[in-house]
Amino acid sequence: MSDPRTDLAAAGARLAALGLSPGSSGNLSVRVEDRVLITPTGADLSAIDPDGLSELGLDGVHLAGPRPSKEFPLHSAFYRRDAATRAVVHLHARHATAVSCLPPWSPRSAVPPLTPYYVMRVGQTPLLPYAPPGDAGQAEELARLPFPLRAALLQNHGPVLAGTTMAQAVDAAVELEEVSALLLALGGRPARLLTPEEADGLARKYGSPWDDHR
């Protein structure tokens, strides 16, 4: 059986190696029963100490370890949204952050259904209006969105993604960065998107959150 602390550290190292966590940006967490293990403030994702994580209650109360990342309210919001969520990843990945600075494709997804793997692995990704990092109001807005999701873009900030495992959350983060790069490469030129029927079929088959029929 894998250890959630070492899984989190390995995920951080992978994301950093892919260039998705510049400097000391980004934060990761895992839920273990009624507690959350999260990277401490200022942590370098390439060198996470599995024994040096912050420990929070599901209500965000700091229980043990160093001071947690200021972004812990976003993590708590995803855990409150869905009891099946076991991991949350927040990054400042270059292409996804660039897309967060653009007008959203629709009210439910900043990114259109450009590729099947985006729909399958990420699903609709709403753009949350700008707020300072760590803003509790923005996290509450995320918690109360009235449609299914496991990813969001924070305006002028970056992506936050959830998964039932750390591996799923990391794969979603990588896929969102890739589709964001493709979207930027198109440069606003007309592009062929998946049809509503194609996107719906993928969402049903793979259990991903997609009900955007713009």
C-alpha atoms as a PDB file:
ATOM      1  CA  MET A   1       0.000   0.000   0.000  1.00  0.00           C
ATOM      2  CA  SER A   2       1.430   3.375  -0.997  1.00  0.00           C
ATOM      3  CA  ASP A   3       2.185   6.063   1.551  1.00  0.00           C
ATOM      4  CA  PRO A   4       0.336   9.357   0.949  1.00  0.00           C
ATOM      5  CA  ARG A   5       3.282  11.445   2.152  1.00  0.00           C
ATOM      6  CA  THR A   6       5.753   9.860  -0.248  1.00  0.00           C
ATOM      7  CA  ASP A   7       3.175   9.909  -3.059  1.00  0.00           C
ATOM      8  CA  LEU A   8       2.755  13.665  -2.553  1.00  0.00           C
ATOM      9  CA  ALA A   9       6.515  14.238  -2.569  1.00  0.00           C
ATOM     10  CA  ALA A  10       6.916  12.164  -5.736  1.00  0.00           C
ATOM     11  CA  ALA A  11       4.115  14.099  -7.423  1.00  0.00           C
ATOM     12  CA  GLY A  12       5.790  17.385  -6.581  1.00  0.00           C
ATOM     13  CA  ALA A  13       9.090  16.170  -8.030  1.00  0.00           C
ATOM     14  CA  ARG A  14       7.369  15.072 -11.245  1.00  0.00           C
ATOM     15  CA  LEU A  15       5.525  18.369 -11.706  1.00  0.00           C
ATOM     16  CA  ALA A  16       8.688  20.356 -11.026  1.00  0.00           C
ATOM     17  CA  ALA A  17      10.667  18.234 -13.504  1.00  0.00           C
ATOM     18  CA  LEU A  18       8.027  18.988 -16.142  1.00  0.00           C
ATOM     19  CA  GLY A  19       8.508  22.703 -15.538  1.00  0.00           C
ATOM     20  CA  LEU A  20       5.001  23.223 -14.169  1.00  0.00           C
ATOM     21  CA  SER A  21       6.097  24.610 -10.792  1.00  0.00           C
ATOM     22  CA  PRO A  22       8.607  27.456 -11.246  1.00  0.00           C
ATOM     23  CA  GLY A  23      10.536  28.525  -8.163  1.00  0.00           C
ATOM     24  CA  SER A  24       8.640  27.899  -4.958  1.00  0.00           C
ATOM     25  CA  SER A  25       5.226  28.234  -6.601  1.00  0.00           C
ATOM     26  CA  GLY A  26       2.423  25.700  -6.395  1.00  0.00           C
ATOM     27  CA  ASN A  27       1.078  23.514  -3.622  1.00  0.00           C
ATOM     28  CA  LEU A  28      -0.220  19.966  -3.251  1.00  0.00           C
ATOM     29  CA  SER A  29      -2.379  18.190  -0.719  1.00  0.00           C
ATOM     30  CA  VAL A  30      -3.808  14.764   0.038  1.00  0.00           C
ATOM     31  CA  ARG A  31      -6.733  13.792   2.223  1.00  0.00           C
ATOM     32  CA  VAL A  32      -6.129  11.029   4.751  1.00  0.00           C
ATOM     33  CA  GLU A  33      -9.374  10.152   6.521  1.00  0.00           C
ATOM     34  CA  ASP A  34     -10.491  13.329   8.329  1.00  0.00           C
ATOM     35  CA  ARG A  35      -7.215  15.222   7.860  1.00  0.00           C
ATOM     36  CA  VAL A  36      -5.392  16.973   5.031  1.00  0.00           C
ATOM     37  CA  LEU A  37      -1.641  16.886   4.453  1.00  0.00           C
ATOM     38  CA  ILE A  38      -0.499  19.944   2.490  1.00  0.00           C
ATOM     39  CA  THR A  39       2.817  21.437   1.423  1.00  0.00           C
ATOM     40  CA  PRO A  40       4.014  24.194   3.754  1.00  0.00           C
ATOM     41  CA  THR A  41       4.261  27.814   2.715  1.00  0.00           C
ATOM     42  CA  GLY A  42       7.159  28.532   0.372  1.00  0.00           C
ATOM     43  CA  ALA A  43       7.821  24.857  -0.365  1.00  0.00           C
ATOM     44  CA  ASP A  44       9.859  23.901  -3.433  1.00  0.00           C
ATOM     45  CA  LEU A  45       7.857  21.126  -5.113  1.00  0.00           C
ATOM     46  CA  SER A  46      11.057  19.559  -6.432  1.00  0.00           C
ATOM     47  CA  ALA A  47      12.291  18.854  -2.900  1.00  0.00           C
ATOM     48  CA  ILE A  48       9.310  18.123  -0.658  1.00  0.00           C
ATOM     49  CA  ASP A  49      10.135  16.478   2.672  1.00  0.00           C
ATOM     50  CA  PRO A  50       7.453  13.796   3.253  1.00  0.00           C
ATOM     51  CA  ASP A  51       7.873  14.273   7.003  1.00  0.00           C
ATOM     52  CA  GLY A  52       7.700  18.061   6.786  1.00  0.00           C
ATOM     53  CA  LEU A  53       4.115  18.494   5.599  1.00  0.00           C
ATOM     54  CA  SER A  54       1.506  20.632   7.306  1.00  0.00           C
ATOM     55  CA  GLU A  55      -1.507  18.869   8.761  1.00  0.00           C
ATOM     56  CA  LEU A  56      -4.984  20.412   8.695  1.00  0.00           C
ATOM     57  CA  GLY A  57      -8.476  19.405   9.655  1.00  0.00           C
ATOM     58  CA  LEU A  58     -11.119  19.315   6.924  1.00  0.00           C
ATOM     59  CA  ASP A  59     -12.268  22.680   8.270  1.00  0.00           C
ATOM     60  CA  GLY A  60      -8.827  24.162   7.532  1.00  0.00           C
ATOM     61  CA  VAL A  61      -7.683  24.341  11.153  1.00  0.00           C
ATOM     62  CA  HIS A  62      -3.901  23.905  11.450  1.00  0.00           C
ATOM     63  CA  LEU A  63      -3.254  20.817  13.574  1.00  0.00           C
ATOM     64  CA  ALA A  64       0.445  20.031  13.211  1.00  0.00           C
ATOM     65  CA  GLY A  65       3.612  20.684  11.259  1.00  0.00           C
ATOM     66  CA  PRO A  66       4.891  23.920   9.680  1.00  0.00           C
ATOM     67  CA  ARG A  67       2.704  26.793   8.537  1.00  0.00           C
ATOM     68  CA  PRO A  68       0.606  25.582   5.575  1.00  0.00           C
ATOM     69  CA  SER A  69       0.455  27.130   2.137  1.00  0.00           C
ATOM     70  CA  LYS A  70      -1.739  30.220   2.089  1.00  0.00           C
ATOM     71  CA  GLU A  71      -3.771  28.499  -0.646  1.00  0.00           C
ATOM     72  CA  PHE A  72      -5.200  25.906   1.751  1.00  0.00           C
ATOM     73  CA  PRO A  73      -8.765  27.311   1.404  1.00  0.00           C
ATOM     74  CA  LEU A  74      -8.820  26.209  -2.267  1.00  0.00           C
ATOM     75  CA  HIS A  75      -7.846  22.695  -1.247  1.00  0.00           C
ATOM     76  CA  SER A  76     -10.479  22.627   1.486  1.00  0.00           C
ATOM     77  CA  ALA A  77     -13.100  23.786  -1.020  1.00  0.00           C
ATOM     78  CA  PHE A  78     -12.514  20.774  -3.262  1.00  0.00           C
ATOM     79  CA  TYR A  79     -12.582  18.357  -0.320  1.00  0.00           C
ATOM     80  CA  ARG A  80     -15.873  19.883   0.823  1.00  0.00           C
ATOM     81  CA  ARG A  81     -17.351  19.699  -2.682  1.00  0.00           C
ATOM     82  CA  ASP A  82     -16.826  15.967  -3.085  1.00  0.00           C
ATOM     83  CA  ALA A  83     -16.098  13.386  -0.412  1.00  0.00           C
ATOM     84  CA  ALA A  84     -14.398  11.208  -3.061  1.00  0.00           C
ATOM     85  CA  THR A  85     -11.651  13.805  -3.606  1.00  0.00           C
ATOM     86  CA  ARG A  86      -8.342  12.616  -2.193  1.00  0.00           C
ATOM     87  CA  ALA A  87      -5.814  14.994  -3.767  1.00  0.00           C
ATOM     88  CA  VAL A  88      -5.602  18.617  -4.932  1.00  0.00           C
ATOM     89  CA  VAL A  89      -2.921  20.241  -7.108  1.00  0.00           C
ATOM     90  CA  HIS A  90      -2.461  23.989  -7.561  1.00  0.00           C
ATOM     91  CA  LEU A  91       0.177  25.239 -10.009  1.00  0.00           C
ATOM     92  CA  HIS A  92       1.423  28.362 -11.754  1.00  0.00           C
ATOM     93  CA  ALA A  93       2.013  26.457 -14.989  1.00  0.00           C
ATOM     94  CA  ARG A  94       2.885  28.871 -17.808  1.00  0.00           C
ATOM     95  CA  HIS A  95       0.309  28.030 -20.486  1.00  0.00           C
ATOM     96  CA  ALA A  96      -2.641  27.390 -18.178  1.00  0.00           C
ATOM     97  CA  THR A  97      -1.879  30.638 -16.363  1.00  0.00           C
ATOM     98  CA  ALA A  98      -1.764  32.484 -19.696  1.00  0.00           C
ATOM     99  CA  VAL A  99      -5.211  31.096 -20.549  1.00  0.00           C
ATOM    100  CA  SER A 100      -6.455  32.321 -17.150  1.00  0.00           C
ATOM    101  CA  CYS A 101      -5.689  35.867 -18.375  1.00  0.00           C
ATOM    102  CA  LEU A 102      -7.977  35.498 -21.415  1.00  0.00           C
ATOM    103  CA  PRO A 103     -11.771  35.686 -21.678  1.00  0.00           C
ATOM    104  CA  PRO A 104     -13.344  32.292 -20.900  1.00  0.00           C
ATOM    105  CA  TRP A 105     -14.794  30.142 -23.661  1.00  0.00           C
ATOM    106  CA  SER A 106     -18.055  29.801 -21.708  1.00  0.00           C
ATOM    107  CA  PRO A 107     -19.434  30.398 -18.201  1.00  0.00           C
ATOM    108  CA  ARG A 108     -18.667  26.784 -17.281  1.00  0.00           C
ATOM    109  CA  SER A 109     -15.320  26.322 -18.974  1.00  0.00           C
ATOM    110  CA  ALA A 110     -12.483  28.688 -19.747  1.00  0.00           C
ATOM    111  CA  VAL A 111     -11.144  26.062 -22.147  1.00  0.00           C
ATOM    112  CA  PRO A 112     -13.187  24.664 -25.058  1.00  0.00           C
ATOM    113  CA  PRO A 113     -13.444  20.932 -25.873  1.00  0.00           C
ATOM    114  CA  LEU A 114     -10.396  21.057 -28.105  1.00  0.00           C
ATOM    115  CA  THR A 115      -9.151  17.482 -27.600  1.00  0.00           C
ATOM    116  CA  PRO A 116     -10.724  14.245 -26.375  1.00  0.00           C
ATOM    117  CA  TYR A 117      -8.137  13.841 -23.617  1.00  0.00           C
ATOM    118  CA  TYR A 118      -8.982  17.246 -22.168  1.00  0.00           C
ATOM    119  CA  VAL A 119     -12.622  16.217 -21.837  1.00  0.00           C
ATOM    120  CA  MET A 120     -11.679  12.748 -20.557  1.00  0.00           C
ATOM    121  CA  ARG A 121      -9.007  13.695 -18.025  1.00  0.00           C
ATOM    122  CA  VAL A 122      -9.927  17.224 -16.945  1.00  0.00           C
ATOM    123  CA  GLY A 123     -13.479  18.158 -17.885  1.00  0.00           C
ATOM    124  CA  GLN A 124     -15.066  21.579 -17.787  1.00  0.00           C
ATOM    125  CA  THR A 125     -12.795  24.141 -16.147  1.00  0.00           C
ATOM    126  CA  PRO A 126     -14.508  27.352 -15.037  1.00  0.00           C
ATOM    127  CA  LEU A 127     -12.642  30.639 -14.702  1.00  0.00           C
ATOM    128  CA  LEU A 128     -12.955  32.075 -11.194  1.00  0.00           C
ATOM    129  CA  PRO A 129     -12.743  35.894 -11.032  1.00  0.00           C
ATOM    130  CA  TYR A 130      -9.467  37.319  -9.769  1.00  0.00           C
ATOM    131  CA  ALA A 131      -8.794  37.407  -6.044  1.00  0.00           C
ATOM    132  CA  PRO A 132      -5.547  37.692  -4.075  1.00  0.00           C
ATOM    133  CA  PRO A 133      -3.773  34.365  -3.429  1.00  0.00           C
ATOM    134  CA  GLY A 134      -5.244  32.604  -0.430  1.00  0.00           C
ATOM    135  CA  ASP A 135      -8.528  34.523  -0.581  1.00  0.00           C
ATOM    136  CA  ALA A 136     -11.181  32.645   1.389  1.00  0.00           C
ATOM    137  CA  GLY A 137     -14.011  34.211  -0.624  1.00  0.00           C
ATOM    138  CA  GLN A 138     -12.677  32.789  -3.871  1.00  0.00           C
ATOM    139  CA  ALA A 139     -12.439  29.355  -2.282  1.00  0.00           C
ATOM    140  CA  GLU A 140     -16.027  29.638  -1.080  1.00  0.00           C
ATOM    141  CA  GLU A 141     -17.122  30.543  -4.610  1.00  0.00           C
ATOM    142  CA  LEU A 142     -15.389  27.403  -5.865  1.00  0.00           C
ATOM    143  CA  ALA A 143     -17.083  25.278  -3.204  1.00  0.00           C
ATOM    144  CA  ARG A 144     -20.535  26.585  -4.186  1.00  0.00           C
ATOM    145  CA  LEU A 145     -20.385  26.322  -7.990  1.00  0.00           C
ATOM    146  CA  PRO A 146     -23.637  24.603  -8.951  1.00  0.00           C
ATOM    147  CA  PHE A 147     -22.269  22.221 -11.574  1.00  0.00           C
ATOM    148  CA  PRO A 148     -19.801  19.323 -11.579  1.00  0.00           C
ATOM    149  CA  LEU A 149     -16.084  20.006 -11.938  1.00  0.00           C
ATOM    150  CA  ARG A 150     -12.697  18.815 -10.823  1.00  0.00           C
ATOM    151  CA  ALA A 151     -10.628  21.692 -12.206  1.00  0.00           C
ATOM    152  CA  ALA A 152     -10.748  25.484 -12.277  1.00  0.00           C
ATOM    153  CA  LEU A 153      -8.615  28.353 -13.509  1.00  0.00           C
ATOM    154  CA  LEU A 154      -7.996  31.223 -11.105  1.00  0.00           C
ATOM    155  CA  GLN A 155      -8.002  34.425 -13.133  1.00  0.00           C
ATOM    156  CA  ASN A 156      -4.478  35.860 -13.616  1.00  0.00           C
ATOM    157  CA  HIS A 157      -3.156  33.157 -11.303  1.00  0.00           C
ATOM    158  CA  GLY A 158      -3.239  29.544 -12.466  1.00  0.00           C
ATOM    159  CA  PRO A 159      -4.959  26.145 -12.341  1.00  0.00           C
ATOM    160  CA  VAL A 160      -6.256  24.108  -9.413  1.00  0.00           C
ATOM    161  CA  LEU A 161      -7.301  20.496  -9.946  1.00  0.00           C
ATOM    162  CA  ALA A 162      -8.687  17.645  -7.864  1.00  0.00           C
ATOM    163  CA  GLY A 163      -8.653  13.878  -8.159  1.00  0.00           C
ATOM    164  CA  THR A 164      -9.672  10.694  -6.405  1.00  0.00           C
ATOM    165  CA  THR A 165      -5.938   9.907  -6.330  1.00  0.00           C
ATOM    166  CA  MET A 166      -2.813  12.032  -6.527  1.00  0.00           C
ATOM    167  CA  ALA A 167      -1.936  10.365  -9.830  1.00  0.00           C
ATOM    168  CA  GLN A 168      -5.295  11.406 -11.311  1.00  0.00           C
ATOM    169  CA  ALA A 169      -4.885  15.013 -10.147  1.00  0.00           C
ATOM    170  CA  VAL A 170      -1.347  15.192 -11.563  1.00  0.00           C
ATOM    171  CA  ASP A 171      -2.402  13.685 -14.897  1.00  0.00           C
ATOM    172  CA  ALA A 172      -5.213  16.235 -15.106  1.00  0.00           C
ATOM    173  CA  ALA A 173      -2.787  19.073 -14.402  1.00  0.00           C
ATOM    174  CA  VAL A 174      -0.464  17.892 -17.169  1.00  0.00           C
ATOM    175  CA  GLU A 175      -3.357  17.526 -19.614  1.00  0.00           C
ATOM    176  CA  LEU A 176      -4.717  20.993 -18.806  1.00  0.00           C
ATOM    177  CA  GLU A 177      -1.293  22.509 -19.444  1.00  0.00           C
ATOM    178  CA  GLU A 178      -1.054  20.694 -22.777  1.00  0.00           C
ATOM    179  CA  VAL A 179      -4.484  21.760 -24.027  1.00  0.00           C
ATOM    180  CA  SER A 180      -3.757  25.314 -22.872  1.00  0.00           C
ATOM    181  CA  ALA A 181      -0.563  25.294 -24.948  1.00  0.00           C
ATOM    182  CA  LEU A 182      -2.535  24.081 -27.966  1.00  0.00           C
ATOM    183  CA  LEU A 183      -5.162  26.755 -27.457  1.00  0.00           C
ATOM    184  CA  LEU A 184      -2.522  29.490 -27.338  1.00  0.00           C
ATOM    185  CA  ALA A 185      -0.750  28.050 -30.385  1.00  0.00           C
ATOM    186  CA  LEU A 186      -3.958  28.427 -32.393  1.00  0.00           C
ATOM    187  CA  GLY A 187      -3.735  32.151 -31.720  1.00  0.00           C
ATOM    188  CA  GLY A 188      -7.447  32.812 -31.963  1.00  0.00           C
ATOM    189  CA  ARG A 189      -7.777  31.207 -35.398  1.00  0.00           C
ATOM    190  CA  PRO A 190     -11.008  29.278 -36.029  1.00  0.00           C
ATOM    191  CA  ALA A 191     -10.543  25.737 -34.752  1.00  0.00           C
ATOM    192  CA  ARG A 192     -12.548  22.563 -35.031  1.00  0.00           C
ATOM    193  CA  LEU A 193     -13.880  21.707 -31.533  1.00  0.00           C
ATOM    194  CA  LEU A 194     -15.468  18.478 -30.409  1.00  0.00           C
ATOM    195  CA  THR A 195     -19.191  18.564 -31.031  1.00  0.00           C
ATOM    196  CA  PRO A 196     -21.546  18.455 -28.030  1.00  0.00           C
ATOM    197  CA  GLU A 197     -22.371  14.840 -28.933  1.00  0.00           C
ATOM    198  CA  GLU A 198     -18.684  13.894 -29.082  1.00  0.00           C
ATOM    199  CA  ALA A 199     -17.871  15.603 -25.779  1.00  0.00           C
ATOM    200  CA  ASP A 200     -20.920  14.116 -24.053  1.00  0.00           C
ATOM    201  CA  GLY A 201     -20.025  10.636 -25.256  1.00  0.00           C
ATOM    202  CA  LEU A 202     -16.523  10.904 -23.828  1.00  0.00           C
ATOM    203  CA  ALA A 203     -17.795  12.337 -20.544  1.00  0.00           C
ATOM    204  CA  ARG A 204     -20.250   9.459 -20.120  1.00  0.00           C
ATOM    205  CA  LYS A 205     -17.668   6.796 -21.010  1.00  0.00           C
ATOM    206  CA  TYR A 206     -14.925   8.149 -18.762  1.00  0.00           C
ATOM    207  CA  GLY A 207     -17.004   9.657 -15.952  1.00  0.00           C
ATOM    208  CA  SER A 208     -15.655  13.155 -16.459  1.00  0.00           C
ATOM    209  CA  PRO A 209     -17.550  16.355 -15.592  1.00  0.00           C
ATOM    210  CA  TRP A 210     -18.751  17.896 -18.842  1.00  0.00           C
ATOM    211  CA  ASP A 211     -22.230  19.318 -19.378  1.00  0.00           C
ATOM    212  CA  ASP A 212     -21.296  22.506 -21.234  1.00  0.00           C
ATOM    213  CA  HIS A 213     -23.356  22.771 -24.412  1.00  0.00           C
ATOM    214  CA  ARG A 214     -22.409  26.246 -25.549  1.00  0.00           C
END
